[in-house]
Amino acid sequence: TMTPKGKYPISVCLGTACYVRGAEKVLDEFQRQLEIKVGETTPDGLFSLDCLRCVGACGLAPVVTIAGKVYGRLTPEKVRDILSEYYLLEQV
């Protein structure tokens, strides 16, 4: 795509194991919190959102990677706290 990636690219795995364990709800929550859709970047340039087919960490499903860091067993309830970590990094 021609859209520049965010400083912290977020990739939500939608492979079978992740999908079955609720990855779509996690993806929906990232879209809701960031107010962007898949393939878009936040206006502040911090986050971009994409989907993957499989990251090979099926035992940790559902899995999300943010700037190369893997987050496993995610639930929609954890999304806000994870994003807060990155917003805090930006305030330093």
PDB file of N, CA and C in Angstrom:
ATOM      1  N   THR A   1       0.839  -1.189   0.000  1.00  0.00           N
ATOM      2  CA  THR A   1       0.000   0.000   0.000  1.00  0.00           C
ATOM      3  C   THR A   1       0.884   1.253   0.000  1.00  0.00           C
ATOM      4  N   MET A   2       0.287   2.367  -0.354  1.00  0.00           N
ATOM      5  CA  MET A   2       1.010   3.634  -0.393  1.00  0.00           C
ATOM      6  C   MET A   2       0.924   4.362   0.954  1.00  0.00           C
ATOM      7  N   THR A   3       0.075   3.851   1.853  1.00  0.00           N
ATOM      8  CA  THR A   3      -0.067   4.473   3.162  1.00  0.00           C
ATOM      9  C   THR A   3       1.177   4.204   3.999  1.00  0.00           C
ATOM     10  N   PRO A   4       1.806   5.245   4.554  1.00  0.00           N
ATOM     11  CA  PRO A   4       2.977   4.990   5.394  1.00  0.00           C
ATOM     12  C   PRO A   4       2.591   4.215   6.649  1.00  0.00           C
ATOM     13  N   LYS A   5       3.447   3.298   7.050  1.00  0.00           N
ATOM     14  CA  LYS A   5       3.207   2.522   8.267  1.00  0.00           C
ATOM     15  C   LYS A   5       3.378   3.429   9.479  1.00  0.00           C
ATOM     16  N   GLY A   6       2.676   3.071  10.549  1.00  0.00           N
ATOM     17  CA  GLY A   6       2.838   3.805  11.787  1.00  0.00           C
ATOM     18  C   GLY A   6       4.163   3.464  12.447  1.00  0.00           C
ATOM     19  N   LYS A   7       4.548   4.258  13.407  1.00  0.00           N
ATOM     20  CA  LYS A   7       5.765   3.998  14.182  1.00  0.00           C
ATOM     21  C   LYS A   7       5.670   2.629  14.854  1.00  0.00           C
ATOM     22  N   TYR A   8       4.456   2.281  15.289  1.00  0.00           N
ATOM     23  CA  TYR A   8       4.203   0.986  15.916  1.00  0.00           C
ATOM     24  C   TYR A   8       3.183   0.214  15.072  1.00  0.00           C
ATOM     25  N   PRO A   9       3.656  -0.538  14.075  1.00  0.00           N
ATOM     26  CA  PRO A   9       2.706  -1.301  13.259  1.00  0.00           C
ATOM     27  C   PRO A   9       2.085  -2.443  14.065  1.00  0.00           C
ATOM     28  N   ILE A  10       0.778  -2.530  14.014  1.00  0.00           N
ATOM     29  CA  ILE A  10       0.030  -3.573  14.724  1.00  0.00           C
ATOM     30  C   ILE A  10      -0.460  -4.592  13.702  1.00  0.00           C
ATOM     31  N   SER A  11      -0.169  -5.866  13.950  1.00  0.00           N
ATOM     32  CA  SER A  11      -0.656  -6.936  13.084  1.00  0.00           C
ATOM     33  C   SER A  11      -1.441  -7.930  13.924  1.00  0.00           C
ATOM     34  N   VAL A  12      -2.703  -8.122  13.558  1.00  0.00           N
ATOM     35  CA  VAL A  12      -3.560  -9.073  14.258  1.00  0.00           C
ATOM     36  C   VAL A  12      -3.602 -10.354  13.441  1.00  0.00           C
ATOM     37  N   CYS A  13      -3.266 -11.472  14.080  1.00  0.00           N
ATOM     38  CA  CYS A  13      -3.297 -12.752  13.379  1.00  0.00           C
ATOM     39  C   CYS A  13      -4.738 -13.228  13.245  1.00  0.00           C
ATOM     40  N   LEU A  14      -5.115 -13.577  12.012  1.00  0.00           N
ATOM     41  CA  LEU A  14      -6.449 -14.125  11.766  1.00  0.00           C
ATOM     42  C   LEU A  14      -6.353 -15.553  11.237  1.00  0.00           C
ATOM     43  N   GLY A  15      -5.243 -16.235  11.555  1.00  0.00           N
ATOM     44  CA  GLY A  15      -5.112 -17.656  11.215  1.00  0.00           C
ATOM     45  C   GLY A  15      -6.180 -18.448  11.954  1.00  0.00           C
ATOM     46  N   THR A  16      -6.335 -19.712  11.604  1.00  0.00           N
ATOM     47  CA  THR A  16      -7.424 -20.522  12.143  1.00  0.00           C
ATOM     48  C   THR A  16      -7.467 -20.543  13.667  1.00  0.00           C
ATOM     49  N   ALA A  17      -6.346 -20.860  14.311  1.00  0.00           N
ATOM     50  CA  ALA A  17      -6.334 -20.964  15.781  1.00  0.00           C
ATOM     51  C   ALA A  17      -6.714 -19.632  16.419  1.00  0.00           C
ATOM     52  N   CYS A  18      -6.151 -18.551  15.914  1.00  0.00           N
ATOM     53  CA  CYS A  18      -6.445 -17.220  16.470  1.00  0.00           C
ATOM     54  C   CYS A  18      -7.894 -16.832  16.219  1.00  0.00           C
ATOM     55  N   TYR A  19      -8.357 -17.111  15.005  1.00  0.00           N
ATOM     56  CA  TYR A  19      -9.726 -16.754  14.633  1.00  0.00           C
ATOM     57  C   TYR A  19     -10.730 -17.450  15.548  1.00  0.00           C
ATOM     58  N   VAL A  20     -10.505 -18.762  15.742  1.00  0.00           N
ATOM     59  CA  VAL A  20     -11.402 -19.566  16.573  1.00  0.00           C
ATOM     60  C   VAL A  20     -11.416 -19.059  18.015  1.00  0.00           C
ATOM     61  N   ARG A  21     -10.286 -18.507  18.460  1.00  0.00           N
ATOM     62  CA  ARG A  21     -10.181 -18.039  19.847  1.00  0.00           C
ATOM     63  C   ARG A  21     -10.495 -16.548  20.001  1.00  0.00           C
ATOM     64  N   GLY A  22     -11.116 -15.951  18.996  1.00  0.00           N
ATOM     65  CA  GLY A  22     -11.644 -14.598  19.173  1.00  0.00           C
ATOM     66  C   GLY A  22     -10.816 -13.451  18.625  1.00  0.00           C
ATOM     67  N   ALA A  23      -9.920 -13.740  17.678  1.00  0.00           N
ATOM     68  CA  ALA A  23      -9.067 -12.681  17.124  1.00  0.00           C
ATOM     69  C   ALA A  23      -9.873 -11.558  16.480  1.00  0.00           C
ATOM     70  N   GLU A  24     -11.013 -11.912  15.901  1.00  0.00           N
ATOM     71  CA  GLU A  24     -11.818 -10.893  15.223  1.00  0.00           C
ATOM     72  C   GLU A  24     -12.322  -9.831  16.210  1.00  0.00           C
ATOM     73  N   LYS A  25     -12.688 -10.269  17.411  1.00  0.00           N
ATOM     74  CA  LYS A  25     -13.136  -9.316  18.441  1.00  0.00           C
ATOM     75  C   LYS A  25     -11.985  -8.419  18.883  1.00  0.00           C
ATOM     76  N   VAL A  26     -10.776  -9.002  18.960  1.00  0.00           N
ATOM     77  CA  VAL A  26      -9.587  -8.220  19.317  1.00  0.00           C
ATOM     78  C   VAL A  26      -9.316  -7.178  18.228  1.00  0.00           C
ATOM     79  N   LEU A  27      -9.397  -7.607  16.966  1.00  0.00           N
ATOM     80  CA  LEU A  27      -9.207  -6.692  15.840  1.00  0.00           C
ATOM     81  C   LEU A  27     -10.233  -5.558  15.887  1.00  0.00           C
ATOM     82  N   ASP A  28     -11.490  -5.917  16.129  1.00  0.00           N
ATOM     83  CA  ASP A  28     -12.552  -4.904  16.212  1.00  0.00           C
ATOM     84  C   ASP A  28     -12.241  -3.870  17.293  1.00  0.00           C
ATOM     85  N   GLU A  29     -11.704  -4.342  18.415  1.00  0.00           N
ATOM     86  CA  GLU A  29     -11.399  -3.430  19.527  1.00  0.00           C
ATOM     87  C   GLU A  29     -10.242  -2.493  19.175  1.00  0.00           C
ATOM     88  N   PHE A  30      -9.207  -3.018  18.490  1.00  0.00           N
ATOM     89  CA  PHE A  30      -8.121  -2.141  18.037  1.00  0.00           C
ATOM     90  C   PHE A  30      -8.677  -1.073  17.093  1.00  0.00           C
ATOM     91  N   GLN A  31      -9.570  -1.477  16.183  1.00  0.00           N
ATOM     92  CA  GLN A  31     -10.156  -0.517  15.244  1.00  0.00           C
ATOM     93  C   GLN A  31     -10.967   0.539  15.991  1.00  0.00           C
ATOM     94  N   ARG A  32     -11.691   0.103  17.015  1.00  0.00           N
ATOM     95  CA  ARG A  32     -12.530   1.013  17.793  1.00  0.00           C
ATOM     96  C   ARG A  32     -11.661   2.000  18.579  1.00  0.00           C
ATOM     97  N   GLN A  33     -10.651   1.479  19.270  1.00  0.00           N
ATOM     98  CA  GLN A  33      -9.796   2.332  20.108  1.00  0.00           C
ATOM     99  C   GLN A  33      -8.983   3.322  19.273  1.00  0.00           C
ATOM    100  N   LEU A  34      -8.466   2.848  18.141  1.00  0.00           N
ATOM    101  CA  LEU A  34      -7.590   3.690  17.315  1.00  0.00           C
ATOM    102  C   LEU A  34      -8.364   4.538  16.312  1.00  0.00           C
ATOM    103  N   GLU A  35      -9.645   4.189  16.115  1.00  0.00           N
ATOM    104  CA  GLU A  35     -10.503   4.869  15.142  1.00  0.00           C
ATOM    105  C   GLU A  35      -9.924   4.809  13.732  1.00  0.00           C
ATOM    106  N   ILE A  36      -9.358   3.635  13.391  1.00  0.00           N
ATOM    107  CA  ILE A  36      -8.899   3.375  12.024  1.00  0.00           C
ATOM    108  C   ILE A  36      -9.349   1.978  11.616  1.00  0.00           C
ATOM    109  N   LYS A  37      -9.300   1.724  10.321  1.00  0.00           N
ATOM    110  CA  LYS A  37      -9.619   0.406   9.788  1.00  0.00           C
ATOM    111  C   LYS A  37      -8.319  -0.291   9.386  1.00  0.00           C
ATOM    112  N   VAL A  38      -8.439  -1.591   9.075  1.00  0.00           N
ATOM    113  CA  VAL A  38      -7.285  -2.356   8.605  1.00  0.00           C
ATOM    114  C   VAL A  38      -6.694  -1.680   7.373  1.00  0.00           C
ATOM    115  N   GLY A  39      -5.377  -1.532   7.352  1.00  0.00           N
ATOM    116  CA  GLY A  39      -4.702  -0.891   6.227  1.00  0.00           C
ATOM    117  C   GLY A  39      -4.493   0.601   6.416  1.00  0.00           C
ATOM    118  N   GLU A  40      -5.021   1.133   7.519  1.00  0.00           N
ATOM    119  CA  GLU A  40      -4.898   2.569   7.770  1.00  0.00           C
ATOM    120  C   GLU A  40      -3.869   2.860   8.865  1.00  0.00           C
ATOM    121  N   THR A  41      -3.487   4.127   8.951  1.00  0.00           N
ATOM    122  CA  THR A  41      -2.553   4.609   9.967  1.00  0.00           C
ATOM    123  C   THR A  41      -3.228   5.738  10.740  1.00  0.00           C
ATOM    124  N   THR A  42      -2.995   5.789  12.050  1.00  0.00           N
ATOM    125  CA  THR A  42      -3.600   6.856  12.859  1.00  0.00           C
ATOM    126  C   THR A  42      -3.059   8.212  12.409  1.00  0.00           C
ATOM    127  N   PRO A  43      -3.872   9.268  12.527  1.00  0.00           N
ATOM    128  CA  PRO A  43      -3.447  10.602  12.087  1.00  0.00           C
ATOM    129  C   PRO A  43      -2.146  11.075  12.735  1.00  0.00           C
ATOM    130  N   ASP A  44      -1.868  10.623  13.975  1.00  0.00           N
ATOM    131  CA  ASP A  44      -0.627  11.036  14.646  1.00  0.00           C
ATOM    132  C   ASP A  44       0.589  10.230  14.175  1.00  0.00           C
ATOM    133  N   GLY A  45       0.346   9.245  13.290  1.00  0.00           N
ATOM    134  CA  GLY A  45       1.449   8.465  12.737  1.00  0.00           C
ATOM    135  C   GLY A  45       1.999   7.400  13.670  1.00  0.00           C
ATOM    136  N   LEU A  46       1.358   7.198  14.811  1.00  0.00           N
ATOM    137  CA  LEU A  46       1.885   6.235  15.783  1.00  0.00           C
ATOM    138  C   LEU A  46       1.558   4.789  15.439  1.00  0.00           C
ATOM    139  N   PHE A  47       0.310   4.531  15.044  1.00  0.00           N
ATOM    140  CA  PHE A  47      -0.118   3.150  14.839  1.00  0.00           C
ATOM    141  C   PHE A  47      -0.659   2.922  13.435  1.00  0.00           C
ATOM    142  N   SER A  48      -0.327   1.765  12.883  1.00  0.00           N
ATOM    143  CA  SER A  48      -1.000   1.294  11.675  1.00  0.00           C
ATOM    144  C   SER A  48      -1.534  -0.098  11.997  1.00  0.00           C
ATOM    145  N   LEU A  49      -2.571  -0.508  11.280  1.00  0.00           N
ATOM    146  CA  LEU A  49      -3.264  -1.756  11.606  1.00  0.00           C
ATOM    147  C   LEU A  49      -3.336  -2.665  10.392  1.00  0.00           C
ATOM    148  N   ASP A  50      -2.909  -3.904  10.575  1.00  0.00           N
ATOM    149  CA  ASP A  50      -2.973  -4.903   9.514  1.00  0.00           C
ATOM    150  C   ASP A  50      -3.347  -6.258  10.095  1.00  0.00           C
ATOM    151  N   CYS A  51      -3.604  -7.208   9.187  1.00  0.00           N
ATOM    152  CA  CYS A  51      -3.903  -8.580   9.580  1.00  0.00           C
ATOM    153  C   CYS A  51      -2.853  -9.507   8.994  1.00  0.00           C
ATOM    154  N   LEU A  52      -2.616 -10.599   9.696  1.00  0.00           N
ATOM    155  CA  LEU A  52      -1.717 -11.646   9.215  1.00  0.00           C
ATOM    156  C   LEU A  52      -2.500 -12.948   9.155  1.00  0.00           C
ATOM    157  N   ARG A  53      -1.986 -13.906   8.414  1.00  0.00           N
ATOM    158  CA  ARG A  53      -2.624 -15.215   8.354  1.00  0.00           C
ATOM    159  C   ARG A  53      -2.152 -16.118   9.475  1.00  0.00           C
ATOM    160  N   CYS A  54      -0.848 -16.109   9.782  1.00  0.00           N
ATOM    161  CA  CYS A  54      -0.342 -16.933  10.876  1.00  0.00           C
ATOM    162  C   CYS A  54       1.036 -16.444  11.275  1.00  0.00           C
ATOM    163  N   VAL A  55       1.262 -16.279  12.572  1.00  0.00           N
ATOM    164  CA  VAL A  55       2.579 -15.858  13.045  1.00  0.00           C
ATOM    165  C   VAL A  55       3.354 -17.033  13.637  1.00  0.00           C
ATOM    166  N   GLY A  56       2.758 -18.229  13.608  1.00  0.00           N
ATOM    167  CA  GLY A  56       3.441 -19.420  14.091  1.00  0.00           C
ATOM    168  C   GLY A  56       3.432 -19.565  15.601  1.00  0.00           C
ATOM    169  N   ALA A  57       2.585 -18.805  16.264  1.00  0.00           N
ATOM    170  CA  ALA A  57       2.490 -18.893  17.727  1.00  0.00           C
ATOM    171  C   ALA A  57       1.081 -19.325  18.111  1.00  0.00           C
ATOM    172  N   CYS A  58       0.596 -20.360  17.450  1.00  0.00           N
ATOM    173  CA  CYS A  58      -0.799 -20.788  17.594  1.00  0.00           C
ATOM    174  C   CYS A  58      -1.163 -21.156  19.032  1.00  0.00           C
ATOM    175  N   GLY A  59      -0.189 -21.622  19.803  1.00  0.00           N
ATOM    176  CA  GLY A  59      -0.438 -21.969  21.198  1.00  0.00           C
ATOM    177  C   GLY A  59      -0.782 -20.764  22.054  1.00  0.00           C
ATOM    178  N   LEU A  60      -0.461 -19.567  21.555  1.00  0.00           N
ATOM    179  CA  LEU A  60      -0.730 -18.327  22.293  1.00  0.00           C
ATOM    180  C   LEU A  60      -1.958 -17.593  21.761  1.00  0.00           C
ATOM    181  N   ALA A  61      -2.693 -18.228  20.881  1.00  0.00           N
ATOM    182  CA  ALA A  61      -3.811 -17.580  20.200  1.00  0.00           C
ATOM    183  C   ALA A  61      -4.828 -17.006  21.189  1.00  0.00           C
ATOM    184  N   PRO A  62      -5.432 -15.861  20.833  1.00  0.00           N
ATOM    185  CA  PRO A  62      -5.132 -15.024  19.665  1.00  0.00           C
ATOM    186  C   PRO A  62      -3.882 -14.152  19.872  1.00  0.00           C
ATOM    187  N   VAL A  63      -3.142 -13.980  18.783  1.00  0.00           N
ATOM    188  CA  VAL A  63      -1.845 -13.308  18.819  1.00  0.00           C
ATOM    189  C   VAL A  63      -1.882 -11.989  18.044  1.00  0.00           C
ATOM    190  N   VAL A  64      -1.210 -10.984  18.604  1.00  0.00           N
ATOM    191  CA  VAL A  64      -1.029  -9.694  17.943  1.00  0.00           C
ATOM    192  C   VAL A  64       0.449  -9.339  18.047  1.00  0.00           C
ATOM    193  N   THR A  65       1.013  -8.784  16.974  1.00  0.00           N
ATOM    194  CA  THR A  65       2.368  -8.251  17.079  1.00  0.00           C
ATOM    195  C   THR A  65       2.291  -6.733  16.938  1.00  0.00           C
ATOM    196  N   ILE A  66       3.074  -6.050  17.762  1.00  0.00           N
ATOM    197  CA  ILE A  66       3.169  -4.592  17.683  1.00  0.00           C
ATOM    198  C   ILE A  66       4.647  -4.251  17.601  1.00  0.00           C
ATOM    199  N   ALA A  67       5.055  -3.686  16.471  1.00  0.00           N
ATOM    200  CA  ALA A  67       6.462  -3.330  16.242  1.00  0.00           C
ATOM    201  C   ALA A  67       7.377  -4.509  16.557  1.00  0.00           C
ATOM    202  N   GLY A  68       6.950  -5.716  16.169  1.00  0.00           N
ATOM    203  CA  GLY A  68       7.776  -6.904  16.340  1.00  0.00           C
ATOM    204  C   GLY A  68       7.627  -7.612  17.676  1.00  0.00           C
ATOM    205  N   LYS A  69       6.955  -6.990  18.629  1.00  0.00           N
ATOM    206  CA  LYS A  69       6.736  -7.624  19.936  1.00  0.00           C
ATOM    207  C   LYS A  69       5.446  -8.439  19.892  1.00  0.00           C
ATOM    208  N   VAL A  70       5.518  -9.686  20.369  1.00  0.00           N
ATOM    209  CA  VAL A  70       4.364 -10.585  20.297  1.00  0.00           C
ATOM    210  C   VAL A  70       3.544 -10.521  21.589  1.00  0.00           C
ATOM    211  N   TYR A  71       2.242 -10.358  21.422  1.00  0.00           N
ATOM    212  CA  TYR A  71       1.300 -10.389  22.540  1.00  0.00           C
ATOM    213  C   TYR A  71       0.378 -11.577  22.328  1.00  0.00           C
ATOM    214  N   GLY A  72       0.324 -12.492  23.302  1.00  0.00           N
ATOM    215  CA  GLY A  72      -0.498 -13.682  23.157  1.00  0.00           C
ATOM    216  C   GLY A  72      -1.684 -13.698  24.093  1.00  0.00           C
ATOM    217  N   ARG A  73      -2.607 -14.602  23.787  1.00  0.00           N
ATOM    218  CA  ARG A  73      -3.823 -14.793  24.583  1.00  0.00           C
ATOM    219  C   ARG A  73      -4.548 -13.474  24.828  1.00  0.00           C
ATOM    220  N   LEU A  74      -4.656 -12.687  23.774  1.00  0.00           N
ATOM    221  CA  LEU A  74      -5.277 -11.366  23.903  1.00  0.00           C
ATOM    222  C   LEU A  74      -6.790 -11.452  23.974  1.00  0.00           C
ATOM    223  N   THR A  75      -7.349 -10.531  24.721  1.00  0.00           N
ATOM    224  CA  THR A  75      -8.797 -10.349  24.753  1.00  0.00           C
ATOM    225  C   THR A  75      -9.056  -8.878  24.444  1.00  0.00           C
ATOM    226  N   PRO A  76     -10.260  -8.553  23.995  1.00  0.00           N
ATOM    227  CA  PRO A  76     -10.570  -7.148  23.714  1.00  0.00           C
ATOM    228  C   PRO A  76     -10.315  -6.254  24.934  1.00  0.00           C
ATOM    229  N   GLU A  77     -10.499  -6.806  26.136  1.00  0.00           N
ATOM    230  CA  GLU A  77     -10.326  -6.027  27.364  1.00  0.00           C
ATOM    231  C   GLU A  77      -8.877  -5.591  27.583  1.00  0.00           C
ATOM    232  N   LYS A  78      -7.923  -6.289  26.975  1.00  0.00           N
ATOM    233  CA  LYS A  78      -6.502  -5.969  27.169  1.00  0.00           C
ATOM    234  C   LYS A  78      -5.990  -4.910  26.187  1.00  0.00           C
ATOM    235  N   VAL A  79      -6.771  -4.618  25.160  1.00  0.00           N
ATOM    236  CA  VAL A  79      -6.311  -3.723  24.089  1.00  0.00           C
ATOM    237  C   VAL A  79      -5.958  -2.330  24.609  1.00  0.00           C
ATOM    238  N   ARG A  80      -6.824  -1.760  25.423  1.00  0.00           N
ATOM    239  CA  ARG A  80      -6.597  -0.396  25.921  1.00  0.00           C
ATOM    240  C   ARG A  80      -5.282  -0.309  26.704  1.00  0.00           C
ATOM    241  N   ASP A  81      -5.017  -1.291  27.577  1.00  0.00           N
ATOM    242  CA  ASP A  81      -3.786  -1.282  28.381  1.00  0.00           C
ATOM    243  C   ASP A  81      -2.549  -1.392  27.502  1.00  0.00           C
ATOM    244  N   ILE A  82      -2.621  -2.226  26.481  1.00  0.00           N
ATOM    245  CA  ILE A  82      -1.476  -2.392  25.579  1.00  0.00           C
ATOM    246  C   ILE A  82      -1.198  -1.086  24.831  1.00  0.00           C
ATOM    247  N   LEU A  83      -2.234  -0.465  24.306  1.00  0.00           N
ATOM    248  CA  LEU A  83      -2.042   0.805  23.599  1.00  0.00           C
ATOM    249  C   LEU A  83      -1.495   1.872  24.551  1.00  0.00           C
ATOM    250  N   SER A  84      -1.938   1.842  25.803  1.00  0.00           N
ATOM    251  CA  SER A  84      -1.467   2.813  26.795  1.00  0.00           C
ATOM    252  C   SER A  84       0.043   2.734  26.985  1.00  0.00           C
ATOM    253  N   GLU A  85       0.600   1.508  26.936  1.00  0.00           N
ATOM    254  CA  GLU A  85       2.056   1.329  27.060  1.00  0.00           C
ATOM    255  C   GLU A  85       2.788   2.164  26.010  1.00  0.00           C
ATOM    256  N   TYR A  86       2.268   2.135  24.786  1.00  0.00           N
ATOM    257  CA  TYR A  86       2.940   2.830  23.687  1.00  0.00           C
ATOM    258  C   TYR A  86       2.734   4.341  23.764  1.00  0.00           C
ATOM    259  N   TYR A  87       1.543   4.749  24.202  1.00  0.00           N
ATOM    260  CA  TYR A  87       1.323   6.187  24.381  1.00  0.00           C
ATOM    261  C   TYR A  87       2.252   6.731  25.469  1.00  0.00           C
ATOM    262  N   LEU A  88       2.477   5.936  26.527  1.00  0.00           N
ATOM    263  CA  LEU A  88       3.389   6.353  27.599  1.00  0.00           C
ATOM    264  C   LEU A  88       4.812   6.494  27.084  1.00  0.00           C
ATOM    265  N   LEU A  89       5.243   5.568  26.224  1.00  0.00           N
ATOM    266  CA  LEU A  89       6.583   5.649  25.633  1.00  0.00           C
ATOM    267  C   LEU A  89       6.782   6.974  24.910  1.00  0.00           C
ATOM    268  N   GLU A  90       5.726   7.452  24.277  1.00  0.00           N
ATOM    269  CA  GLU A  90       5.807   8.685  23.493  1.00  0.00           C
ATOM    270  C   GLU A  90       5.908   9.925  24.370  1.00  0.00           C
ATOM    271  N   GLN A  91       5.519   9.802  25.634  1.00  0.00           N
ATOM    272  CA  GLN A  91       5.523  10.967  26.532  1.00  0.00           C
ATOM    273  C   GLN A  91       6.879  11.176  27.194  1.00  0.00           C
ATOM    274  N   VAL A  92       7.754  10.185  27.095  1.00  0.00           N
ATOM    275  CA  VAL A  92       9.078  10.267  27.739  1.00  0.00           C
ATOM    276  C   VAL A  92       9.937  11.319  27.050  1.00  0.00           C
TER     277      VAL A  92
END
